[in-house]
Protein backbone atom coordinates (compact mmCIF):
# COMPACT_ATOMS: atom_id res chain seq x y z
CA MET A 1 7.68 -20.49 -22.69
CA SER A 2 9.17 -16.95 -21.87
CA GLN A 3 12.02 -16.10 -23.49
CA PRO A 4 14.90 -15.11 -20.97
CA LEU A 5 15.38 -11.37 -20.15
CA THR A 6 18.00 -9.66 -21.64
CA PRO A 7 20.41 -7.47 -18.96
CA ALA A 8 18.72 -4.06 -20.32
CA GLU A 9 15.06 -5.62 -19.65
CA ALA A 10 16.13 -7.10 -16.11
CA ALA A 11 17.32 -3.98 -15.48
CA ALA A 12 14.27 -1.97 -15.98
CA GLN A 13 12.40 -4.22 -14.51
CA ASP A 14 14.81 -4.16 -11.25
CA ARG A 15 14.14 -0.05 -11.30
CA ALA A 16 10.43 -0.45 -11.57
CA GLU A 17 10.16 -3.56 -8.54
CA ALA A 18 12.70 -0.75 -6.26
CA ARG A 19 10.14 2.22 -7.62
CA THR A 20 6.78 0.17 -6.47
CA ALA A 21 8.77 -1.12 -3.33
CA ARG A 22 9.64 2.57 -2.40
CA SER A 23 6.16 3.71 -2.54
CA LEU A 24 4.63 0.75 -0.48
CA PHE A 25 6.94 1.73 1.76
CA THR A 26 6.38 5.51 1.77
CA PHE A 27 2.66 4.49 2.08
CA ALA A 28 3.20 2.39 5.17
CA LEU A 29 5.60 5.42 7.20
CA LEU A 30 2.89 7.80 6.07
CA ALA A 31 0.12 5.12 7.77
CA VAL A 32 1.70 4.82 10.82
CA VAL A 33 2.50 8.47 11.53
CA LEU A 34 -0.94 9.62 10.57
CA SER A 35 -2.00 6.91 13.16
CA VAL A 36 0.62 8.31 15.95
CA VAL A 37 -0.96 12.31 15.15
CA VAL A 38 -4.57 10.76 15.12
CA LEU A 39 -3.77 9.10 18.37
CA VAL A 40 -2.65 12.30 20.12
CA LEU A 41 -5.08 14.43 18.61
CA TRP A 42 -8.22 12.09 19.64
CA GLY A 43 -6.79 9.13 21.52
CA LEU A 44 -8.59 5.52 20.88
CA PRO A 45 -11.87 7.33 19.65
CA GLY A 46 -9.05 8.06 16.57
CA LEU A 47 -7.69 5.01 16.10
CA SER A 48 -11.56 3.92 15.89
CA LEU A 49 -12.03 5.74 13.09
CA ILE A 50 -8.45 4.76 11.26
CA ALA A 51 -9.78 0.92 11.84
CA LEU A 52 -13.76 2.17 10.59
CA ALA A 53 -11.99 3.53 6.97
CA ALA A 54 -9.27 0.88 6.82
CA THR A 55 -12.18 -1.68 6.77
CA ALA A 56 -13.90 0.40 4.29
CA LEU A 57 -10.65 -0.03 1.75
CA VAL A 58 -10.48 -3.81 2.59
CA PHE A 59 -13.68 -4.29 1.31
CA ALA A 60 -13.32 -2.34 -1.47
CA MET A 61 -9.95 -4.25 -2.37
CA LEU A 62 -11.71 -7.49 -2.16
CA ALA A 63 -14.78 -5.92 -4.33
CA ALA A 64 -12.53 -4.69 -7.13
CA TYR A 65 -10.65 -8.39 -6.63
CA ALA A 66 -13.72 -10.20 -7.67
CA ALA A 67 -14.79 -7.53 -10.04
CA GLY A 68 -11.40 -8.16 -11.97
CA PHE A 69 -9.68 -5.40 -11.41
């Protein structure tokens, strides 16, 4: 069994989780802003390019997961 966390360890874990959450929210916000800019510039074909890139990204993540990363 794992030992309970000390207050200092719990605080460090909370800071690490907050940093991870902040970076994920920032990435999501940038993805939305990029999608809006692409939609304004190129219309629906631009969104198709984003969908194609997202498909390749998901495929790469699945391959990395299958490889054990």
